[in-house]
Amino acid sequence: MNVSENAEEQLERIRQLKKTEEHFMFFLENTSDYIYFKDIEHRFTYVSRIFADLTGHRSWHELIGKTDFDVFPQEHAELYYEKERPVITEGKAITWLEEPYYNQ
């Protein structure tokens, strides 16, 4: 394999990655589910549009970097934090969770 073939393969991988990201963002904008992703410090990294709507935000971008304590009333934030802590710190799955209804 020569250098130009290697560069072409890398460009193709980049194109595919961008396409995957576009599909992911389209999904987050159009799903009717409350979906969010958090980092190891419990900060939102991605959220669905409907989740942003639920919390009174115009865009999911407004939630990026915030924690539950920045978004929800204290009692809800504490509950969410405790329920999600094993997922974030230990990788344990939540198999069934009923969360209290929250609407801004």
PDB file of N, CA and C in Angstrom:
ATOM      1  N   MET A   1       0.857  -1.180   0.000  1.00  0.00           N
ATOM      2  CA  MET A   1       0.000   0.000   0.000  1.00  0.00           C
ATOM      3  C   MET A   1       0.894   1.231   0.000  1.00  0.00           C
ATOM      4  N   ASN A   2       0.603   2.141  -0.896  1.00  0.00           N
ATOM      5  CA  ASN A   2       1.407   3.362  -0.918  1.00  0.00           C
ATOM      6  C   ASN A   2       0.740   4.453  -0.091  1.00  0.00           C
ATOM      7  N   VAL A   3       1.427   5.567   0.046  1.00  0.00           N
ATOM      8  CA  VAL A   3       0.971   6.668   0.899  1.00  0.00           C
ATOM      9  C   VAL A   3      -0.361   7.235   0.428  1.00  0.00           C
ATOM     10  N   SER A   4      -0.559   7.374  -0.880  1.00  0.00           N
ATOM     11  CA  SER A   4      -1.805   7.971  -1.375  1.00  0.00           C
ATOM     12  C   SER A   4      -2.997   7.058  -1.098  1.00  0.00           C
ATOM     13  N   GLU A   5      -2.816   5.724  -1.174  1.00  0.00           N
ATOM     14  CA  GLU A   5      -3.906   4.806  -0.839  1.00  0.00           C
ATOM     15  C   GLU A   5      -4.254   4.919   0.641  1.00  0.00           C
ATOM     16  N   ASN A   6      -3.247   5.020   1.491  1.00  0.00           N
ATOM     17  CA  ASN A   6      -3.461   5.166   2.925  1.00  0.00           C
ATOM     18  C   ASN A   6      -4.217   6.464   3.220  1.00  0.00           C
ATOM     19  N   ALA A   7      -3.835   7.544   2.569  1.00  0.00           N
ATOM     20  CA  ALA A   7      -4.509   8.831   2.750  1.00  0.00           C
ATOM     21  C   ALA A   7      -5.954   8.754   2.264  1.00  0.00           C
ATOM     22  N   GLU A   8      -6.196   8.072   1.158  1.00  0.00           N
ATOM     23  CA  GLU A   8      -7.554   7.925   0.637  1.00  0.00           C
ATOM     24  C   GLU A   8      -8.416   7.119   1.605  1.00  0.00           C
ATOM     25  N   GLU A   9      -7.844   6.073   2.188  1.00  0.00           N
ATOM     26  CA  GLU A   9      -8.590   5.277   3.164  1.00  0.00           C
ATOM     27  C   GLU A   9      -8.926   6.115   4.397  1.00  0.00           C
ATOM     28  N   GLN A  10      -7.999   6.926   4.834  1.00  0.00           N
ATOM     29  CA  GLN A  10      -8.256   7.791   5.987  1.00  0.00           C
ATOM     30  C   GLN A  10      -9.360   8.797   5.673  1.00  0.00           C
ATOM     31  N   LEU A  11      -9.323   9.373   4.473  1.00  0.00           N
ATOM     32  CA  LEU A  11     -10.373  10.319   4.077  1.00  0.00           C
ATOM     33  C   LEU A  11     -11.733   9.631   4.025  1.00  0.00           C
ATOM     34  N   GLU A  12     -11.759   8.404   3.524  1.00  0.00           N
ATOM     35  CA  GLU A  12     -13.021   7.665   3.470  1.00  0.00           C
ATOM     36  C   GLU A  12     -13.537   7.380   4.878  1.00  0.00           C
ATOM     37  N   ARG A  13     -12.660   7.023   5.796  1.00  0.00           N
ATOM     38  CA  ARG A  13     -13.079   6.806   7.193  1.00  0.00           C
ATOM     39  C   ARG A  13     -13.621   8.087   7.803  1.00  0.00           C
ATOM     40  N   ILE A  14     -12.990   9.206   7.498  1.00  0.00           N
ATOM     41  CA  ILE A  14     -13.468  10.501   8.003  1.00  0.00           C
ATOM     42  C   ILE A  14     -14.841  10.812   7.436  1.00  0.00           C
ATOM     43  N   ARG A  15     -15.053  10.567   6.141  1.00  0.00           N
ATOM     44  CA  ARG A  15     -16.369  10.795   5.524  1.00  0.00           C
ATOM     45  C   ARG A  15     -17.439   9.918   6.184  1.00  0.00           C
ATOM     46  N   GLN A  16     -17.100   8.665   6.427  1.00  0.00           N
ATOM     47  CA  GLN A  16     -18.057   7.757   7.057  1.00  0.00           C
ATOM     48  C   GLN A  16     -18.373   8.185   8.497  1.00  0.00           C
ATOM     49  N   LEU A  17     -17.360   8.633   9.195  1.00  0.00           N
ATOM     50  CA  LEU A  17     -17.569   9.113  10.559  1.00  0.00           C
ATOM     51  C   LEU A  17     -18.469  10.345  10.578  1.00  0.00           C
ATOM     52  N   LYS A  18     -18.258  11.269   9.654  1.00  0.00           N
ATOM     53  CA  LYS A  18     -19.114  12.459   9.564  1.00  0.00           C
ATOM     54  C   LYS A  18     -20.549  12.077   9.222  1.00  0.00           C
ATOM     55  N   LYS A  19     -20.699  11.094   8.345  1.00  0.00           N
ATOM     56  CA  LYS A  19     -22.036  10.642   7.978  1.00  0.00           C
ATOM     57  C   LYS A  19     -22.737  10.019   9.186  1.00  0.00           C
ATOM     58  N   THR A  20     -22.005   9.223   9.952  1.00  0.00           N
ATOM     59  CA  THR A  20     -22.561   8.627  11.162  1.00  0.00           C
ATOM     60  C   THR A  20     -22.971   9.707  12.155  1.00  0.00           C
ATOM     61  N   GLU A  21     -22.132  10.714  12.315  1.00  0.00           N
ATOM     62  CA  GLU A  21     -22.457  11.809  13.219  1.00  0.00           C
ATOM     63  C   GLU A  21     -23.709  12.555  12.751  1.00  0.00           C
ATOM     64  N   GLU A  22     -23.839  12.776  11.455  1.00  0.00           N
ATOM     65  CA  GLU A  22     -25.035  13.432  10.924  1.00  0.00           C
ATOM     66  C   GLU A  22     -26.285  12.616  11.231  1.00  0.00           C
ATOM     67  N   HIS A  23     -26.214  11.304  11.060  1.00  0.00           N
ATOM     68  CA  HIS A  23     -27.356  10.445  11.371  1.00  0.00           C
ATOM     69  C   HIS A  23     -27.690  10.494  12.853  1.00  0.00           C
ATOM     70  N   PHE A  24     -26.674  10.483  13.683  1.00  0.00           N
ATOM     71  CA  PHE A  24     -26.860  10.554  15.133  1.00  0.00           C
ATOM     72  C   PHE A  24     -27.536  11.869  15.518  1.00  0.00           C
ATOM     73  N   MET A  25     -27.062  12.965  14.968  1.00  0.00           N
ATOM     74  CA  MET A  25     -27.647  14.266  15.282  1.00  0.00           C
ATOM     75  C   MET A  25     -29.086  14.356  14.764  1.00  0.00           C
ATOM     76  N   PHE A  26     -29.344  13.806  13.592  1.00  0.00           N
ATOM     77  CA  PHE A  26     -30.706  13.779  13.055  1.00  0.00           C
ATOM     78  C   PHE A  26     -31.620  13.004  14.011  1.00  0.00           C
ATOM     79  N   PHE A  27     -31.138  11.871  14.485  1.00  0.00           N
ATOM     80  CA  PHE A  27     -31.898  11.066  15.437  1.00  0.00           C
ATOM     81  C   PHE A  27     -32.211  11.863  16.698  1.00  0.00           C
ATOM     82  N   LEU A  28     -31.208  12.517  17.281  1.00  0.00           N
ATOM     83  CA  LEU A  28     -31.433  13.296  18.502  1.00  0.00           C
ATOM     84  C   LEU A  28     -32.409  14.447  18.288  1.00  0.00           C
ATOM     85  N   GLU A  29     -32.388  15.017  17.111  1.00  0.00           N
ATOM     86  CA  GLU A  29     -33.309  16.123  16.821  1.00  0.00           C
ATOM     87  C   GLU A  29     -34.741  15.643  16.592  1.00  0.00           C
ATOM     88  N   ASN A  30     -34.910  14.396  16.185  1.00  0.00           N
ATOM     89  CA  ASN A  30     -36.231  13.952  15.742  1.00  0.00           C
ATOM     90  C   ASN A  30     -36.872  12.842  16.565  1.00  0.00           C
ATOM     91  N   THR A  31     -36.167  12.274  17.496  1.00  0.00           N
ATOM     92  CA  THR A  31     -36.776  11.228  18.314  1.00  0.00           C
ATOM     93  C   THR A  31     -37.788  11.825  19.278  1.00  0.00           C
ATOM     94  N   SER A  32     -38.751  11.017  19.653  1.00  0.00           N
ATOM     95  CA  SER A  32     -39.737  11.465  20.648  1.00  0.00           C
ATOM     96  C   SER A  32     -39.361  10.976  22.043  1.00  0.00           C
ATOM     97  N   ASP A  33     -38.168  10.398  22.171  1.00  0.00           N
ATOM     98  CA  ASP A  33     -37.699   9.886  23.461  1.00  0.00           C
ATOM     99  C   ASP A  33     -36.784  10.885  24.156  1.00  0.00           C
ATOM    100  N   TYR A  34     -36.808  10.822  25.474  1.00  0.00           N
ATOM    101  CA  TYR A  34     -35.905  11.643  26.282  1.00  0.00           C
ATOM    102  C   TYR A  34     -34.568  10.917  26.364  1.00  0.00           C
ATOM    103  N   ILE A  35     -33.612  11.372  25.588  1.00  0.00           N
ATOM    104  CA  ILE A  35     -32.309  10.709  25.515  1.00  0.00           C
ATOM    105  C   ILE A  35     -31.225  11.705  25.886  1.00  0.00           C
ATOM    106  N   TYR A  36     -30.267  11.211  26.667  1.00  0.00           N
ATOM    107  CA  TYR A  36     -29.132  12.055  27.013  1.00  0.00           C
ATOM    108  C   TYR A  36     -27.907  11.185  27.210  1.00  0.00           C
ATOM    109  N   PHE A  37     -26.761  11.793  27.035  1.00  0.00           N
ATOM    110  CA  PHE A  37     -25.471  11.164  27.281  1.00  0.00           C
ATOM    111  C   PHE A  37     -24.721  12.069  28.247  1.00  0.00           C
ATOM    112  N   LYS A  38     -23.976  11.441  29.151  1.00  0.00           N
ATOM    113  CA  LYS A  38     -23.192  12.207  30.120  1.00  0.00           C
ATOM    114  C   LYS A  38     -21.753  11.710  30.128  1.00  0.00           C
ATOM    115  N   ASP A  39     -20.859  12.592  30.556  1.00  0.00           N
ATOM    116  CA  ASP A  39     -19.467  12.193  30.708  1.00  0.00           C
ATOM    117  C   ASP A  39     -19.234  11.664  32.119  1.00  0.00           C
ATOM    118  N   ILE A  40     -18.017  11.325  32.423  1.00  0.00           N
ATOM    119  CA  ILE A  40     -17.661  10.728  33.709  1.00  0.00           C
ATOM    120  C   ILE A  40     -17.931  11.666  34.890  1.00  0.00           C
ATOM    121  N   GLU A  41     -18.030  12.953  34.619  1.00  0.00           N
ATOM    122  CA  GLU A  41     -18.312  13.934  35.671  1.00  0.00           C
ATOM    123  C   GLU A  41     -19.792  14.326  35.714  1.00  0.00           C
ATOM    124  N   HIS A  42     -20.628  13.490  35.099  1.00  0.00           N
ATOM    125  CA  HIS A  42     -22.091  13.658  35.113  1.00  0.00           C
ATOM    126  C   HIS A  42     -22.570  14.894  34.349  1.00  0.00           C
ATOM    127  N   ARG A  43     -21.765  15.389  33.437  1.00  0.00           N
ATOM    128  CA  ARG A  43     -22.175  16.546  32.619  1.00  0.00           C
ATOM    129  C   ARG A  43     -22.789  16.039  31.321  1.00  0.00           C
ATOM    130  N   PHE A  44     -23.842  16.710  30.897  1.00  0.00           N
ATOM    131  CA  PHE A  44     -24.481  16.343  29.638  1.00  0.00           C
ATOM    132  C   PHE A  44     -23.523  16.597  28.471  1.00  0.00           C
ATOM    133  N   THR A  45     -23.447  15.618  27.573  1.00  0.00           N
ATOM    134  CA  THR A  45     -22.631  15.776  26.369  1.00  0.00           C
ATOM    135  C   THR A  45     -23.507  15.823  25.118  1.00  0.00           C
ATOM    136  N   TYR A  46     -24.613  15.097  25.141  1.00  0.00           N
ATOM    137  CA  TYR A  46     -25.617  15.133  24.072  1.00  0.00           C
ATOM    138  C   TYR A  46     -26.971  14.934  24.716  1.00  0.00           C
ATOM    139  N   VAL A  47     -27.979  15.589  24.167  1.00  0.00           N
ATOM    140  CA  VAL A  47     -29.358  15.348  24.609  1.00  0.00           C
ATOM    141  C   VAL A  47     -30.278  15.440  23.409  1.00  0.00           C
ATOM    142  N   SER A  48     -31.411  14.765  23.497  1.00  0.00           N
ATOM    143  CA  SER A  48     -32.389  14.864  22.420  1.00  0.00           C
ATOM    144  C   SER A  48     -33.105  16.213  22.504  1.00  0.00           C
ATOM    145  N   ARG A  49     -33.636  16.631  21.377  1.00  0.00           N
ATOM    146  CA  ARG A  49     -34.357  17.901  21.328  1.00  0.00           C
ATOM    147  C   ARG A  49     -35.521  17.898  22.307  1.00  0.00           C
ATOM    148  N   ILE A  50     -36.235  16.785  22.395  1.00  0.00           N
ATOM    149  CA  ILE A  50     -37.385  16.721  23.281  1.00  0.00           C
ATOM    150  C   ILE A  50     -36.961  16.791  24.753  1.00  0.00           C
ATOM    151  N   PHE A  51     -35.792  16.277  25.071  1.00  0.00           N
ATOM    152  CA  PHE A  51     -35.267  16.401  26.430  1.00  0.00           C
ATOM    153  C   PHE A  51     -34.968  17.869  26.734  1.00  0.00           C
ATOM    154  N   ALA A  52     -34.398  18.569  25.767  1.00  0.00           N
ATOM    155  CA  ALA A  52     -34.143  20.003  25.936  1.00  0.00           C
ATOM    156  C   ALA A  52     -35.464  20.743  26.142  1.00  0.00           C
ATOM    157  N   ASP A  53     -36.472  20.391  25.349  1.00  0.00           N
ATOM    158  CA  ASP A  53     -37.797  21.014  25.500  1.00  0.00           C
ATOM    159  C   ASP A  53     -38.356  20.777  26.893  1.00  0.00           C
ATOM    160  N   LEU A  54     -38.254  19.544  27.372  1.00  0.00           N
ATOM    161  CA  LEU A  54     -38.769  19.181  28.693  1.00  0.00           C
ATOM    162  C   LEU A  54     -38.155  20.047  29.776  1.00  0.00           C
ATOM    163  N   THR A  55     -36.886  20.370  29.638  1.00  0.00           N
ATOM    164  CA  THR A  55     -36.193  21.139  30.666  1.00  0.00           C
ATOM    165  C   THR A  55     -36.256  22.645  30.434  1.00  0.00           C
ATOM    166  N   GLY A  56     -37.026  23.058  29.432  1.00  0.00           N
ATOM    167  CA  GLY A  56     -37.216  24.484  29.197  1.00  0.00           C
ATOM    168  C   GLY A  56     -36.103  25.154  28.406  1.00  0.00           C
ATOM    169  N   HIS A  57     -35.328  24.382  27.661  1.00  0.00           N
ATOM    170  CA  HIS A  57     -34.240  24.939  26.858  1.00  0.00           C
ATOM    171  C   HIS A  57     -34.635  24.965  25.387  1.00  0.00           C
ATOM    172  N   ARG A  58     -34.197  25.987  24.690  1.00  0.00           N
ATOM    173  CA  ARG A  58     -34.523  26.113  23.268  1.00  0.00           C
ATOM    174  C   ARG A  58     -33.735  25.142  22.411  1.00  0.00           C
ATOM    175  N   SER A  59     -32.559  24.774  22.870  1.00  0.00           N
ATOM    176  CA  SER A  59     -31.678  23.925  22.082  1.00  0.00           C
ATOM    177  C   SER A  59     -30.930  22.975  23.003  1.00  0.00           C
ATOM    178  N   TRP A  60     -30.594  21.819  22.489  1.00  0.00           N
ATOM    179  CA  TRP A  60     -29.811  20.869  23.287  1.00  0.00           C
ATOM    180  C   TRP A  60     -28.432  21.430  23.592  1.00  0.00           C
ATOM    181  N   HIS A  61     -27.943  22.332  22.741  1.00  0.00           N
ATOM    182  CA  HIS A  61     -26.621  22.925  22.959  1.00  0.00           C
ATOM    183  C   HIS A  61     -26.538  23.662  24.300  1.00  0.00           C
ATOM    184  N   GLU A  62     -27.663  24.191  24.755  1.00  0.00           N
ATOM    185  CA  GLU A  62     -27.685  24.927  26.020  1.00  0.00           C
ATOM    186  C   GLU A  62     -27.427  24.024  27.228  1.00  0.00           C
ATOM    187  N   LEU A  63     -27.638  22.730  27.076  1.00  0.00           N
ATOM    188  CA  LEU A  63     -27.463  21.795  28.188  1.00  0.00           C
ATOM    189  C   LEU A  63     -26.052  21.213  28.259  1.00  0.00           C
ATOM    190  N   ILE A  64     -25.291  21.335  27.207  1.00  0.00           N
ATOM    191  CA  ILE A  64     -23.968  20.718  27.162  1.00  0.00           C
ATOM    192  C   ILE A  64     -23.075  21.316  28.255  1.00  0.00           C
ATOM    193  N   GLY A  65     -22.464  20.427  29.032  1.00  0.00           N
ATOM    194  CA  GLY A  65     -21.581  20.843  30.113  1.00  0.00           C
ATOM    195  C   GLY A  65     -22.290  21.045  31.442  1.00  0.00           C
ATOM    196  N   LYS A  66     -23.615  21.022  31.436  1.00  0.00           N
ATOM    197  CA  LYS A  66     -24.361  21.179  32.680  1.00  0.00           C
ATOM    198  C   LYS A  66     -24.599  19.824  33.322  1.00  0.00           C
ATOM    199  N   THR A  67     -24.890  19.846  34.614  1.00  0.00           N
ATOM    200  CA  THR A  67     -25.252  18.633  35.350  1.00  0.00           C
ATOM    201  C   THR A  67     -26.733  18.697  35.697  1.00  0.00           C
ATOM    202  N   ASP A  68     -27.240  17.608  36.254  1.00  0.00           N
ATOM    203  CA  ASP A  68     -28.628  17.607  36.707  1.00  0.00           C
ATOM    204  C   ASP A  68     -28.891  18.722  37.701  1.00  0.00           C
ATOM    205  N   PHE A  69     -27.886  19.051  38.507  1.00  0.00           N
ATOM    206  CA  PHE A  69     -28.050  20.091  39.535  1.00  0.00           C
ATOM    207  C   PHE A  69     -28.186  21.486  38.914  1.00  0.00           C
ATOM    208  N   ASP A  70     -27.730  21.642  37.680  1.00  0.00           N
ATOM    209  CA  ASP A  70     -27.889  22.906  36.960  1.00  0.00           C
ATOM    210  C   ASP A  70     -29.249  22.995  36.274  1.00  0.00           C
ATOM    211  N   VAL A  71     -29.891  21.856  36.097  1.00  0.00           N
ATOM    212  CA  VAL A  71     -31.081  21.786  35.246  1.00  0.00           C
ATOM    213  C   VAL A  71     -32.365  21.529  36.028  1.00  0.00           C
ATOM    214  N   PHE A  72     -32.309  20.670  37.025  1.00  0.00           N
ATOM    215  CA  PHE A  72     -33.504  20.221  37.729  1.00  0.00           C
ATOM    216  C   PHE A  72     -33.557  20.759  39.155  1.00  0.00           C
ATOM    217  N   PRO A  73     -34.738  20.719  39.766  1.00  0.00           N
ATOM    218  CA  PRO A  73     -34.833  21.042  41.192  1.00  0.00           C
ATOM    219  C   PRO A  73     -33.952  20.080  41.996  1.00  0.00           C
ATOM    220  N   GLN A  74     -33.482  20.518  43.133  1.00  0.00           N
ATOM    221  CA  GLN A  74     -32.538  19.765  43.956  1.00  0.00           C
ATOM    222  C   GLN A  74     -32.972  18.321  44.198  1.00  0.00           C
ATOM    223  N   GLU A  75     -34.229  18.108  44.584  1.00  0.00           N
ATOM    224  CA  GLU A  75     -34.670  16.743  44.910  1.00  0.00           C
ATOM    225  C   GLU A  75     -34.618  15.816  43.696  1.00  0.00           C
ATOM    226  N   HIS A  76     -34.958  16.317  42.529  1.00  0.00           N
ATOM    227  CA  HIS A  76     -34.874  15.501  41.314  1.00  0.00           C
ATOM    228  C   HIS A  76     -33.417  15.265  40.935  1.00  0.00           C
ATOM    229  N   ALA A  77     -32.608  16.305  41.012  1.00  0.00           N
ATOM    230  CA  ALA A  77     -31.193  16.183  40.651  1.00  0.00           C
ATOM    231  C   ALA A  77     -30.500  15.144  41.527  1.00  0.00           C
ATOM    232  N   GLU A  78     -30.777  15.157  42.817  1.00  0.00           N
ATOM    233  CA  GLU A  78     -30.161  14.184  43.722  1.00  0.00           C
ATOM    234  C   GLU A  78     -30.575  12.761  43.364  1.00  0.00           C
ATOM    235  N   LEU A  79     -31.853  12.567  43.057  1.00  0.00           N
ATOM    236  CA  LEU A  79     -32.349  11.248  42.681  1.00  0.00           C
ATOM    237  C   LEU A  79     -31.675  10.766  41.391  1.00  0.00           C
ATOM    238  N   TYR A  80     -31.631  11.620  40.380  1.00  0.00           N
ATOM    239  CA  TYR A  80     -31.014  11.252  39.099  1.00  0.00           C
ATOM    240  C   TYR A  80     -29.531  10.930  39.291  1.00  0.00           C
ATOM    241  N   TYR A  81     -28.861  11.754  40.070  1.00  0.00           N
ATOM    242  CA  TYR A  81     -27.429  11.548  40.312  1.00  0.00           C
ATOM    243  C   TYR A  81     -27.183  10.179  40.956  1.00  0.00           C
ATOM    244  N   GLU A  82     -27.947   9.866  41.993  1.00  0.00           N
ATOM    245  CA  GLU A  82     -27.762   8.591  42.698  1.00  0.00           C
ATOM    246  C   GLU A  82     -28.078   7.393  41.808  1.00  0.00           C
ATOM    247  N   LYS A  83     -29.116   7.501  40.997  1.00  0.00           N
ATOM    248  CA  LYS A  83     -29.494   6.389  40.115  1.00  0.00           C
ATOM    249  C   LYS A  83     -28.459   6.177  39.010  1.00  0.00           C
ATOM    250  N   GLU A  84     -27.844   7.239  38.544  1.00  0.00           N
ATOM    251  CA  GLU A  84     -26.906   7.146  37.421  1.00  0.00           C
ATOM    252  C   GLU A  84     -25.460   6.920  37.845  1.00  0.00           C
ATOM    253  N   ARG A  85     -25.157   7.168  39.090  1.00  0.00           N
ATOM    254  CA  ARG A  85     -23.768   7.043  39.548  1.00  0.00           C
ATOM    255  C   ARG A  85     -23.170   5.669  39.244  1.00  0.00           C
ATOM    256  N   PRO A  86     -23.863   4.548  39.521  1.00  0.00           N
ATOM    257  CA  PRO A  86     -23.273   3.242  39.187  1.00  0.00           C
ATOM    258  C   PRO A  86     -23.045   3.047  37.686  1.00  0.00           C
ATOM    259  N   VAL A  87     -23.877   3.649  36.887  1.00  0.00           N
ATOM    260  CA  VAL A  87     -23.709   3.549  35.431  1.00  0.00           C
ATOM    261  C   VAL A  87     -22.425   4.251  35.014  1.00  0.00           C
ATOM    262  N   ILE A  88     -22.238   5.444  35.517  1.00  0.00           N
ATOM    263  CA  ILE A  88     -21.095   6.262  35.112  1.00  0.00           C
ATOM    264  C   ILE A  88     -19.796   5.774  35.736  1.00  0.00           C
ATOM    265  N   THR A  89     -19.828   5.426  37.004  1.00  0.00           N
ATOM    266  CA  THR A  89     -18.576   5.065  37.672  1.00  0.00           C
ATOM    267  C   THR A  89     -18.190   3.599  37.528  1.00  0.00           C
ATOM    268  N   GLU A  90     -19.197   2.705  37.376  1.00  0.00           N
ATOM    269  CA  GLU A  90     -18.906   1.276  37.331  1.00  0.00           C
ATOM    270  C   GLU A  90     -19.337   0.607  36.032  1.00  0.00           C
ATOM    271  N   GLY A  91     -20.034   1.331  35.175  1.00  0.00           N
ATOM    272  CA  GLY A  91     -20.507   0.749  33.919  1.00  0.00           C
ATOM    273  C   GLY A  91     -21.678  -0.198  34.086  1.00  0.00           C
ATOM    274  N   LYS A  92     -22.365  -0.123  35.233  1.00  0.00           N
ATOM    275  CA  LYS A  92     -23.519  -0.992  35.479  1.00  0.00           C
ATOM    276  C   LYS A  92     -24.744  -0.441  34.748  1.00  0.00           C
ATOM    277  N   ALA A  93     -25.490  -1.333  34.151  1.00  0.00           N
ATOM    278  CA  ALA A  93     -26.690  -0.933  33.415  1.00  0.00           C
ATOM    279  C   ALA A  93     -27.861  -0.737  34.355  1.00  0.00           C
ATOM    280  N   ILE A  94     -28.717   0.207  34.014  1.00  0.00           N
ATOM    281  CA  ILE A  94     -29.996   0.361  34.698  1.00  0.00           C
ATOM    282  C   ILE A  94     -30.998  -0.423  33.861  1.00  0.00           C
ATOM    283  N   THR A  95     -31.584  -1.439  34.446  1.00  0.00           N
ATOM    284  CA  THR A  95     -32.495  -2.274  33.662  1.00  0.00           C
ATOM    285  C   THR A  95     -33.943  -1.803  33.747  1.00  0.00           C
ATOM    286  N   TRP A  96     -34.305  -1.142  34.801  1.00  0.00           N
ATOM    287  CA  TRP A  96     -35.657  -0.606  34.906  1.00  0.00           C
ATOM    288  C   TRP A  96     -35.607   0.589  35.846  1.00  0.00           C
ATOM    289  N   LEU A  97     -36.088   1.701  35.377  1.00  0.00           N
ATOM    290  CA  LEU A  97     -36.054   2.902  36.196  1.00  0.00           C
ATOM    291  C   LEU A  97     -37.283   3.736  35.910  1.00  0.00           C
ATOM    292  N   GLU A  98     -38.037   3.994  36.934  1.00  0.00           N
ATOM    293  CA  GLU A  98     -39.155   4.937  36.818  1.00  0.00           C
ATOM    294  C   GLU A  98     -38.679   6.226  37.456  1.00  0.00           C
ATOM    295  N   GLU A  99     -38.622   7.251  36.653  1.00  0.00           N
ATOM    296  CA  GLU A  99     -38.189   8.550  37.162  1.00  0.00           C
ATOM    297  C   GLU A  99     -39.409   9.410  37.427  1.00  0.00           C
ATOM    298  N   PRO A 100     -39.316  10.265  38.408  1.00  0.00           N
ATOM    299  CA  PRO A 100     -40.449  11.163  38.655  1.00  0.00           C
ATOM    300  C   PRO A 100     -40.655  12.077  37.449  1.00  0.00           C
ATOM    301  N   TYR A 101     -41.891  12.343  37.170  1.00  0.00           N
ATOM    302  CA  TYR A 101     -42.189  13.220  36.031  1.00  0.00           C
ATOM    303  C   TYR A 101     -41.737  14.625  36.336  1.00  0.00           C
ATOM    304  N   TYR A 102     -41.043  15.212  35.390  1.00  0.00           N
ATOM    305  CA  TYR A 102     -40.592  16.588  35.535  1.00  0.00           C
ATOM    306  C   TYR A 102     -40.988  17.337  34.289  1.00  0.00           C
ATOM    307  N   ASN A 103     -41.573  18.493  34.456  1.00  0.00           N
ATOM    308  CA  ASN A 103     -41.912  19.345  33.327  1.00  0.00           C
ATOM    309  C   ASN A 103     -41.700  20.786  33.737  1.00  0.00           C
ATOM    310  N   GLN A 104     -40.854  21.465  33.007  1.00  0.00           N
ATOM    311  CA  GLN A 104     -40.518  22.858  33.272  1.00  0.00           C
ATOM    312  C   GLN A 104     -41.754  23.705  33.316  1.00  0.00           C
TER     313      GLN A 104
END
